[in-house]
């Protein structure tokens, strides 16, 4: 039976590097934001390559959820699913994945907003997804009776092996050292939007170094980041700290 890992992450949040990390395992298949097309078709959010994404993906909420609840398409024993909480604008939520092992990847919203600024892309607080990420965390904690695993991108970059070992332990899967490196370039399971967003991770073969000081933001991006601060700091209380 497939072990399905649903990683709920905001955008610009080390989420693709984490997907690369899990894809390096011989026992793992990965999926890249399977609800993105459904989200774009419903909201008409003017994101880069939106029409191409809608045309390329299954945009039926229930069909996508059914597929994600099945076995890994290639027969792998682990299926790592990269999900964005803010994409869940339709009739599907975390409650529709009761047999998945849920985890949450967070990043300081100042760094997330700065990443959007570097791409010259406008961003709203709801794009960061922190409010729904917290909501999903609380729903899963209520279901389990204890906190599900939370990992902070800054700690992963500071000591990737230690944090990933702890995450694997929390998910009840074996640690695999191949998770520390991956092949340069785009990967077969990347969404087509990777052509716009994944230049940095495509140039990498592993996690970067520890992050530096928090960047300065102009007023618009700073207000977006600060609107997400409370929910981010709530999640910080549950971060895996080896």
C-alpha atoms as a PDB file:
ATOM      1  CA  UNK A   1       0.000   0.000   0.000  1.00  0.00           C
ATOM      2  CA  UNK A   2       1.266   3.460  -0.893  1.00  0.00           C
ATOM      3  CA  UNK A   3       2.337   5.798   1.907  1.00  0.00           C
ATOM      4  CA  UNK A   4       1.012   9.207   0.845  1.00  0.00           C
ATOM      5  CA  UNK A   5       2.756  12.256   2.295  1.00  0.00           C
ATOM      6  CA  UNK A   6       0.837  15.522   1.847  1.00  0.00           C
ATOM      7  CA  UNK A   7       3.193  18.452   2.391  1.00  0.00           C
ATOM      8  CA  UNK A   8       1.228  21.689   2.833  1.00  0.00           C
ATOM      9  CA  UNK A   9       3.465  24.607   1.972  1.00  0.00           C
ATOM     10  CA  UNK A  10       3.145  28.224   1.019  1.00  0.00           C
ATOM     11  CA  UNK A  11       4.707  29.360  -2.263  1.00  0.00           C
ATOM     12  CA  UNK A  12       8.321  30.569  -2.557  1.00  0.00           C
ATOM     13  CA  UNK A  13       8.928  28.466   0.521  1.00  0.00           C
ATOM     14  CA  UNK A  14      11.603  25.891  -0.358  1.00  0.00           C
ATOM     15  CA  UNK A  15       8.700  23.718  -1.468  1.00  0.00           C
ATOM     16  CA  UNK A  16      10.218  22.723  -4.808  1.00  0.00           C
ATOM     17  CA  UNK A  17      13.583  21.936  -3.222  1.00  0.00           C
ATOM     18  CA  UNK A  18      11.750  19.692  -0.752  1.00  0.00           C
ATOM     19  CA  UNK A  19       9.993  17.995  -3.659  1.00  0.00           C
ATOM     20  CA  UNK A  20      13.406  17.496  -5.297  1.00  0.00           C
ATOM     21  CA  UNK A  21      14.717  16.047  -2.035  1.00  0.00           C
ATOM     22  CA  UNK A  22      11.970  13.429  -1.821  1.00  0.00           C
ATOM     23  CA  UNK A  23      12.162  12.664  -5.540  1.00  0.00           C
ATOM     24  CA  UNK A  24      15.783  11.610  -5.023  1.00  0.00           C
ATOM     25  CA  UNK A  25      14.599   8.599  -3.046  1.00  0.00           C
ATOM     26  CA  UNK A  26      14.331   5.398  -5.089  1.00  0.00           C
ATOM     27  CA  UNK A  27      11.105   4.513  -3.256  1.00  0.00           C
ATOM     28  CA  UNK A  28       9.251   7.813  -3.845  1.00  0.00           C
ATOM     29  CA  UNK A  29       7.090   9.354  -6.564  1.00  0.00           C
ATOM     30  CA  UNK A  30       6.305  13.095  -6.356  1.00  0.00           C
ATOM     31  CA  UNK A  31       3.451  15.325  -7.503  1.00  0.00           C
ATOM     32  CA  UNK A  32       3.715  19.071  -8.061  1.00  0.00           C
ATOM     33  CA  UNK A  33       0.730  21.157  -6.902  1.00  0.00           C
ATOM     34  CA  UNK A  34      -2.003  18.924  -8.340  1.00  0.00           C
ATOM     35  CA  UNK A  35      -4.816  21.387  -7.551  1.00  0.00           C
ATOM     36  CA  UNK A  36      -3.173  24.378  -9.236  1.00  0.00           C
ATOM     37  CA  UNK A  37      -5.183  24.067 -12.445  1.00  0.00           C
ATOM     38  CA  UNK A  38      -8.474  23.726 -10.554  1.00  0.00           C
ATOM     39  CA  UNK A  39      -7.585  26.764  -8.443  1.00  0.00           C
ATOM     40  CA  UNK A  40      -6.787  28.895 -11.485  1.00  0.00           C
ATOM     41  CA  UNK A  41      -9.928  27.864 -13.347  1.00  0.00           C
ATOM     42  CA  UNK A  42     -12.125  28.669 -10.340  1.00  0.00           C
ATOM     43  CA  UNK A  43     -10.497  31.936  -9.214  1.00  0.00           C
ATOM     44  CA  UNK A  44      -9.124  33.239 -12.542  1.00  0.00           C
ATOM     45  CA  UNK A  45      -6.182  34.525 -10.503  1.00  0.00           C
ATOM     46  CA  UNK A  46      -3.943  36.280 -13.078  1.00  0.00           C
ATOM     47  CA  UNK A  47      -0.835  34.177 -12.392  1.00  0.00           C
ATOM     48  CA  UNK A  48       1.986  33.704 -14.935  1.00  0.00           C
ATOM     49  CA  UNK A  49       1.141  31.002 -17.495  1.00  0.00           C
ATOM     50  CA  UNK A  50      -2.382  30.613 -16.053  1.00  0.00           C
ATOM     51  CA  UNK A  51      -4.092  29.580 -19.288  1.00  0.00           C
ATOM     52  CA  UNK A  52      -1.316  27.115 -20.122  1.00  0.00           C
ATOM     53  CA  UNK A  53      -1.610  25.547 -16.674  1.00  0.00           C
ATOM     54  CA  UNK A  54      -5.400  25.204 -16.927  1.00  0.00           C
ATOM     55  CA  UNK A  55      -5.089  23.572 -20.344  1.00  0.00           C
ATOM     56  CA  UNK A  56      -2.392  21.176 -19.119  1.00  0.00           C
ATOM     57  CA  UNK A  57      -4.015  19.898 -15.910  1.00  0.00           C
ATOM     58  CA  UNK A  58      -7.074  18.016 -14.714  1.00  0.00           C
ATOM     59  CA  UNK A  59      -9.147  20.844 -13.238  1.00  0.00           C
ATOM     60  CA  UNK A  60     -11.898  18.720 -11.691  1.00  0.00           C
ATOM     61  CA  UNK A  61     -11.562  18.978  -7.902  1.00  0.00           C
ATOM     62  CA  UNK A  62     -13.022  15.583  -7.080  1.00  0.00           C
ATOM     63  CA  UNK A  63     -11.151  13.751  -9.833  1.00  0.00           C
ATOM     64  CA  UNK A  64      -7.844  15.193  -8.665  1.00  0.00           C
ATOM     65  CA  UNK A  65      -8.601  14.328  -5.037  1.00  0.00           C
ATOM     66  CA  UNK A  66      -9.542  10.778  -6.006  1.00  0.00           C
ATOM     67  CA  UNK A  67      -6.274  10.360  -7.878  1.00  0.00           C
ATOM     68  CA  UNK A  68      -4.247  11.754  -4.976  1.00  0.00           C
ATOM     69  CA  UNK A  69      -5.918   9.252  -2.641  1.00  0.00           C
ATOM     70  CA  UNK A  70      -4.893   6.317  -4.809  1.00  0.00           C
ATOM     71  CA  UNK A  71      -1.644   4.461  -5.287  1.00  0.00           C
ATOM     72  CA  UNK A  72       1.458   6.163  -6.666  1.00  0.00           C
ATOM     73  CA  UNK A  73       1.250   6.267 -10.478  1.00  0.00           C
ATOM     74  CA  UNK A  74       4.562   4.443 -10.911  1.00  0.00           C
ATOM     75  CA  UNK A  75       3.995   1.905  -8.146  1.00  0.00           C
ATOM     76  CA  UNK A  76       6.373   3.547  -5.668  1.00  0.00           C
ATOM     77  CA  UNK A  77       5.848   2.738  -2.007  1.00  0.00           C
ATOM     78  CA  UNK A  78       5.869   6.459  -1.052  1.00  0.00           C
ATOM     79  CA  UNK A  79       4.021   9.272  -2.816  1.00  0.00           C
ATOM     80  CA  UNK A  80       5.130  12.780  -1.841  1.00  0.00           C
ATOM     81  CA  UNK A  81       2.479  15.340  -2.764  1.00  0.00           C
ATOM     82  CA  UNK A  82       3.403  19.032  -2.785  1.00  0.00           C
ATOM     83  CA  UNK A  83       0.236  20.990  -1.944  1.00  0.00           C
ATOM     84  CA  UNK A  84      -0.457  24.712  -1.592  1.00  0.00           C
ATOM     85  CA  UNK A  85      -3.133  25.551   1.014  1.00  0.00           C
ATOM     86  CA  UNK A  86      -4.210  28.681  -0.866  1.00  0.00           C
ATOM     87  CA  UNK A  87      -5.071  26.558  -3.900  1.00  0.00           C
ATOM     88  CA  UNK A  88      -7.888  24.850  -1.994  1.00  0.00           C
ATOM     89  CA  UNK A  89     -10.693  27.187  -3.058  1.00  0.00           C
ATOM     90  CA  UNK A  90     -13.047  24.458  -4.215  1.00  0.00           C
ATOM     91  CA  UNK A  91     -15.034  21.676  -2.498  1.00  0.00           C
ATOM     92  CA  UNK A  92     -11.922  19.724  -1.424  1.00  0.00           C
ATOM     93  CA  UNK A  93      -9.892  20.244   1.768  1.00  0.00           C
ATOM     94  CA  UNK A  94      -7.402  18.432   3.978  1.00  0.00           C
ATOM     95  CA  UNK A  95     -10.359  16.463   5.398  1.00  0.00           C
ATOM     96  CA  UNK A  96     -10.603  14.649   2.069  1.00  0.00           C
ATOM     97  CA  UNK A  97      -7.213  12.989   2.673  1.00  0.00           C
ATOM     98  CA  UNK A  98      -7.739  11.072   5.937  1.00  0.00           C
ATOM     99  CA  UNK A  99      -5.273   8.334   5.008  1.00  0.00           C
ATOM    100  CA  UNK A 100      -2.388  10.649   4.137  1.00  0.00           C
ATOM    101  CA  UNK A 101       0.457  11.599   6.444  1.00  0.00           C
ATOM    102  CA  UNK A 102       0.258  15.376   6.607  1.00  0.00           C
ATOM    103  CA  UNK A 103       3.163  17.745   7.221  1.00  0.00           C
ATOM    104  CA  UNK A 104       3.575  21.501   7.013  1.00  0.00           C
ATOM    105  CA  UNK A 105       6.444  23.553   5.577  1.00  0.00           C
ATOM    106  CA  UNK A 106       6.701  27.172   6.732  1.00  0.00           C
ATOM    107  CA  UNK A 107       8.908  30.171   5.991  1.00  0.00           C
ATOM    108  CA  UNK A 108       9.115  33.668   7.416  1.00  0.00           C
ATOM    109  CA  UNK A 109       6.580  35.700   5.377  1.00  0.00           C
ATOM    110  CA  UNK A 110       9.139  38.490   4.929  1.00  0.00           C
ATOM    111  CA  UNK A 111      11.331  36.087   2.960  1.00  0.00           C
ATOM    112  CA  UNK A 112       8.338  34.827   0.986  1.00  0.00           C
ATOM    113  CA  UNK A 113       7.233  38.352   0.053  1.00  0.00           C
ATOM    114  CA  UNK A 114      10.811  39.254  -0.877  1.00  0.00           C
ATOM    115  CA  UNK A 115      10.944  36.265  -3.224  1.00  0.00           C
ATOM    116  CA  UNK A 116       7.834  37.520  -4.996  1.00  0.00           C
ATOM    117  CA  UNK A 117       9.360  40.988  -5.154  1.00  0.00           C
ATOM    118  CA  UNK A 118      12.465  39.548  -6.827  1.00  0.00           C
ATOM    119  CA  UNK A 119      10.188  38.060  -9.482  1.00  0.00           C
ATOM    120  CA  UNK A 120       8.420  41.445  -9.859  1.00  0.00           C
ATOM    121  CA  UNK A 121       5.133  39.707  -9.113  1.00  0.00           C
ATOM    122  CA  UNK A 122       2.291  41.286  -7.129  1.00  0.00           C
ATOM    123  CA  UNK A 123       1.182  39.257  -4.123  1.00  0.00           C
ATOM    124  CA  UNK A 124      -1.695  39.357  -1.627  1.00  0.00           C
ATOM    125  CA  UNK A 125      -1.729  37.862   1.881  1.00  0.00           C
ATOM    126  CA  UNK A 126      -3.986  35.035   0.715  1.00  0.00           C
ATOM    127  CA  UNK A 127      -1.353  34.037  -1.864  1.00  0.00           C
ATOM    128  CA  UNK A 128       1.022  33.166   0.983  1.00  0.00           C
ATOM    129  CA  UNK A 129      -1.542  30.713   2.330  1.00  0.00           C
ATOM    130  CA  UNK A 130      -0.574  31.045   5.992  1.00  0.00           C
ATOM    131  CA  UNK A 131      -4.124  31.456   7.320  1.00  0.00           C
ATOM    132  CA  UNK A 132      -5.390  28.293   5.650  1.00  0.00           C
ATOM    133  CA  UNK A 133      -2.158  26.472   6.467  1.00  0.00           C
ATOM    134  CA  UNK A 134      -2.778  27.189  10.147  1.00  0.00           C
ATOM    135  CA  UNK A 135      -6.413  26.139   9.777  1.00  0.00           C
ATOM    136  CA  UNK A 136      -5.387  22.838   8.178  1.00  0.00           C
ATOM    137  CA  UNK A 137      -2.736  22.290  10.854  1.00  0.00           C
ATOM    138  CA  UNK A 138      -5.348  22.714  13.580  1.00  0.00           C
ATOM    139  CA  UNK A 139      -7.799  20.428  11.794  1.00  0.00           C
ATOM    140  CA  UNK A 140      -5.161  17.709  11.459  1.00  0.00           C
ATOM    141  CA  UNK A 141      -4.025  18.150  15.064  1.00  0.00           C
ATOM    142  CA  UNK A 142      -7.634  17.700  16.203  1.00  0.00           C
ATOM    143  CA  UNK A 143      -7.971  14.572  14.086  1.00  0.00           C
ATOM    144  CA  UNK A 144      -4.726  13.029  15.327  1.00  0.00           C
ATOM    145  CA  UNK A 145      -4.916  14.188  18.908  1.00  0.00           C
ATOM    146  CA  UNK A 146      -1.424  15.669  18.623  1.00  0.00           C
ATOM    147  CA  UNK A 147       0.458  18.145  16.446  1.00  0.00           C
ATOM    148  CA  UNK A 148       1.463  16.934  12.966  1.00  0.00           C
ATOM    149  CA  UNK A 149       5.050  17.667  11.881  1.00  0.00           C
ATOM    150  CA  UNK A 150       6.012  21.237  10.970  1.00  0.00           C
ATOM    151  CA  UNK A 151       9.352  22.112   9.373  1.00  0.00           C
ATOM    152  CA  UNK A 152      10.820  25.574   8.906  1.00  0.00           C
ATOM    153  CA  UNK A 153      12.726  26.258   5.693  1.00  0.00           C
ATOM    154  CA  UNK A 154      15.379  28.269   7.565  1.00  0.00           C
ATOM    155  CA  UNK A 155      16.220  25.287   9.784  1.00  0.00           C
ATOM    156  CA  UNK A 156      16.334  22.955   6.782  1.00  0.00           C
ATOM    157  CA  UNK A 157      18.844  25.229   5.077  1.00  0.00           C
ATOM    158  CA  UNK A 158      20.877  25.523   8.268  1.00  0.00           C
ATOM    159  CA  UNK A 159      21.213  21.768   8.767  1.00  0.00           C
ATOM    160  CA  UNK A 160      19.329  19.781   6.113  1.00  0.00           C
ATOM    161  CA  UNK A 161      20.369  16.296   7.222  1.00  0.00           C
ATOM    162  CA  UNK A 162      19.402  16.774  10.864  1.00  0.00           C
ATOM    163  CA  UNK A 163      16.016  18.309  10.021  1.00  0.00           C
ATOM    164  CA  UNK A 164      15.177  15.845   7.259  1.00  0.00           C
ATOM    165  CA  UNK A 165      16.092  12.918   9.505  1.00  0.00           C
ATOM    166  CA  UNK A 166      13.697  14.284  12.128  1.00  0.00           C
ATOM    167  CA  UNK A 167      10.973  14.806   9.510  1.00  0.00           C
ATOM    168  CA  UNK A 168      11.328  11.250   8.220  1.00  0.00           C
ATOM    169  CA  UNK A 169      11.089   9.990  11.786  1.00  0.00           C
ATOM    170  CA  UNK A 170       7.931  12.059  12.378  1.00  0.00           C
ATOM    171  CA  UNK A 171       6.422  10.674   9.164  1.00  0.00           C
ATOM    172  CA  UNK A 172       7.410   7.123  10.142  1.00  0.00           C
ATOM    173  CA  UNK A 173       9.515   6.511   7.042  1.00  0.00           C
ATOM    174  CA  UNK A 174      13.165   5.529   6.829  1.00  0.00           C
ATOM    175  CA  UNK A 175      15.820   8.217   6.478  1.00  0.00           C
ATOM    176  CA  UNK A 176      17.538   8.134   3.073  1.00  0.00           C
ATOM    177  CA  UNK A 177      20.765  10.153   2.556  1.00  0.00           C
ATOM    178  CA  UNK A 178      19.978  10.545  -1.143  1.00  0.00           C
ATOM    179  CA  UNK A 179      17.502  13.249  -0.029  1.00  0.00           C
ATOM    180  CA  UNK A 180      20.403  15.693   0.357  1.00  0.00           C
ATOM    181  CA  UNK A 181      21.153  15.933  -3.381  1.00  0.00           C
ATOM    182  CA  UNK A 182      19.393  15.860  -6.731  1.00  0.00           C
ATOM    183  CA  UNK A 183      20.110  16.219 -10.423  1.00  0.00           C
ATOM    184  CA  UNK A 184      20.457  19.713 -11.848  1.00  0.00           C
ATOM    185  CA  UNK A 185      17.783  20.926 -14.259  1.00  0.00           C
ATOM    186  CA  UNK A 186      14.033  20.461 -14.558  1.00  0.00           C
ATOM    187  CA  UNK A 187      12.497  17.164 -13.462  1.00  0.00           C
ATOM    188  CA  UNK A 188       9.866  15.027 -15.139  1.00  0.00           C
ATOM    189  CA  UNK A 189       7.155  15.668 -12.533  1.00  0.00           C
ATOM    190  CA  UNK A 190       7.556  19.471 -12.462  1.00  0.00           C
ATOM    191  CA  UNK A 191       4.475  21.486 -13.346  1.00  0.00           C
ATOM    192  CA  UNK A 192       4.767  23.426 -16.585  1.00  0.00           C
ATOM    193  CA  UNK A 193       4.891  26.631 -14.515  1.00  0.00           C
ATOM    194  CA  UNK A 194       8.407  25.608 -13.543  1.00  0.00           C
ATOM    195  CA  UNK A 195       9.591  27.381 -16.687  1.00  0.00           C
ATOM    196  CA  UNK A 196       8.710  30.657 -14.948  1.00  0.00           C
ATOM    197  CA  UNK A 197       9.334  29.905 -11.272  1.00  0.00           C
ATOM    198  CA  UNK A 198      11.977  27.187 -10.905  1.00  0.00           C
ATOM    199  CA  UNK A 199      15.127  28.774 -12.329  1.00  0.00           C
ATOM    200  CA  UNK A 200      16.959  28.797  -8.986  1.00  0.00           C
ATOM    201  CA  UNK A 201      16.119  25.255  -7.949  1.00  0.00           C
ATOM    202  CA  UNK A 202      16.829  24.000 -11.484  1.00  0.00           C
ATOM    203  CA  UNK A 203      20.350  25.370 -11.138  1.00  0.00           C
ATOM    204  CA  UNK A 204      20.875  23.583  -7.811  1.00  0.00           C
ATOM    205  CA  UNK A 205      21.945  20.079  -6.843  1.00  0.00           C
ATOM    206  CA  UNK A 206      21.154  20.379  -3.125  1.00  0.00           C
ATOM    207  CA  UNK A 207      19.942  22.688  -0.406  1.00  0.00           C
ATOM    208  CA  UNK A 208      21.594  26.104  -0.212  1.00  0.00           C
ATOM    209  CA  UNK A 209      23.340  27.512   2.825  1.00  0.00           C
ATOM    210  CA  UNK A 210      21.819  29.027   5.927  1.00  0.00           C
ATOM    211  CA  UNK A 211      19.727  32.137   5.193  1.00  0.00           C
ATOM    212  CA  UNK A 212      21.161  35.574   5.908  1.00  0.00           C
ATOM    213  CA  UNK A 213      19.459  38.545   7.584  1.00  0.00           C
ATOM    214  CA  UNK A 214      15.842  39.268   6.753  1.00  0.00           C
ATOM    215  CA  UNK A 215      15.561  41.401   3.607  1.00  0.00           C
ATOM    216  CA  UNK A 216      14.131  44.916   3.469  1.00  0.00           C
ATOM    217  CA  UNK A 217      10.760  45.301   1.774  1.00  0.00           C
ATOM    218  CA  UNK A 218       8.888  48.234   0.319  1.00  0.00           C
ATOM    219  CA  UNK A 219       5.590  49.176   1.984  1.00  0.00           C
ATOM    220  CA  UNK A 220       3.330  47.050  -0.225  1.00  0.00           C
ATOM    221  CA  UNK A 221       5.252  43.804   0.234  1.00  0.00           C
ATOM    222  CA  UNK A 222       5.906  44.537   3.922  1.00  0.00           C
ATOM    223  CA  UNK A 223       2.165  44.937   4.619  1.00  0.00           C
ATOM    224  CA  UNK A 224       1.510  41.632   2.868  1.00  0.00           C
ATOM    225  CA  UNK A 225       4.138  39.910   4.998  1.00  0.00           C
ATOM    226  CA  UNK A 226       2.930  41.415   8.243  1.00  0.00           C
ATOM    227  CA  UNK A 227      -0.643  40.348   7.538  1.00  0.00           C
ATOM    228  CA  UNK A 228       0.644  36.757   7.674  1.00  0.00           C
ATOM    229  CA  UNK A 229       2.850  37.195  10.748  1.00  0.00           C
ATOM    230  CA  UNK A 230       0.438  35.973  13.432  1.00  0.00           C
ATOM    231  CA  UNK A 231      -0.371  32.700  11.666  1.00  0.00           C
ATOM    232  CA  UNK A 232       3.290  32.061  10.857  1.00  0.00           C
ATOM    233  CA  UNK A 233       4.336  32.612  14.475  1.00  0.00           C
ATOM    234  CA  UNK A 234       1.589  30.273  15.653  1.00  0.00           C
ATOM    235  CA  UNK A 235       2.995  27.546  13.395  1.00  0.00           C
ATOM    236  CA  UNK A 236       6.511  28.263  14.649  1.00  0.00           C
ATOM    237  CA  UNK A 237       5.532  26.951  18.060  1.00  0.00           C
ATOM    238  CA  UNK A 238       5.253  23.439  16.609  1.00  0.00           C
ATOM    239  CA  UNK A 239       8.372  23.337  14.426  1.00  0.00           C
ATOM    240  CA  UNK A 240      10.520  20.212  14.640  1.00  0.00           C
ATOM    241  CA  UNK A 241      13.680  21.306  16.456  1.00  0.00           C
ATOM    242  CA  UNK A 242      16.214  18.481  16.513  1.00  0.00           C
END
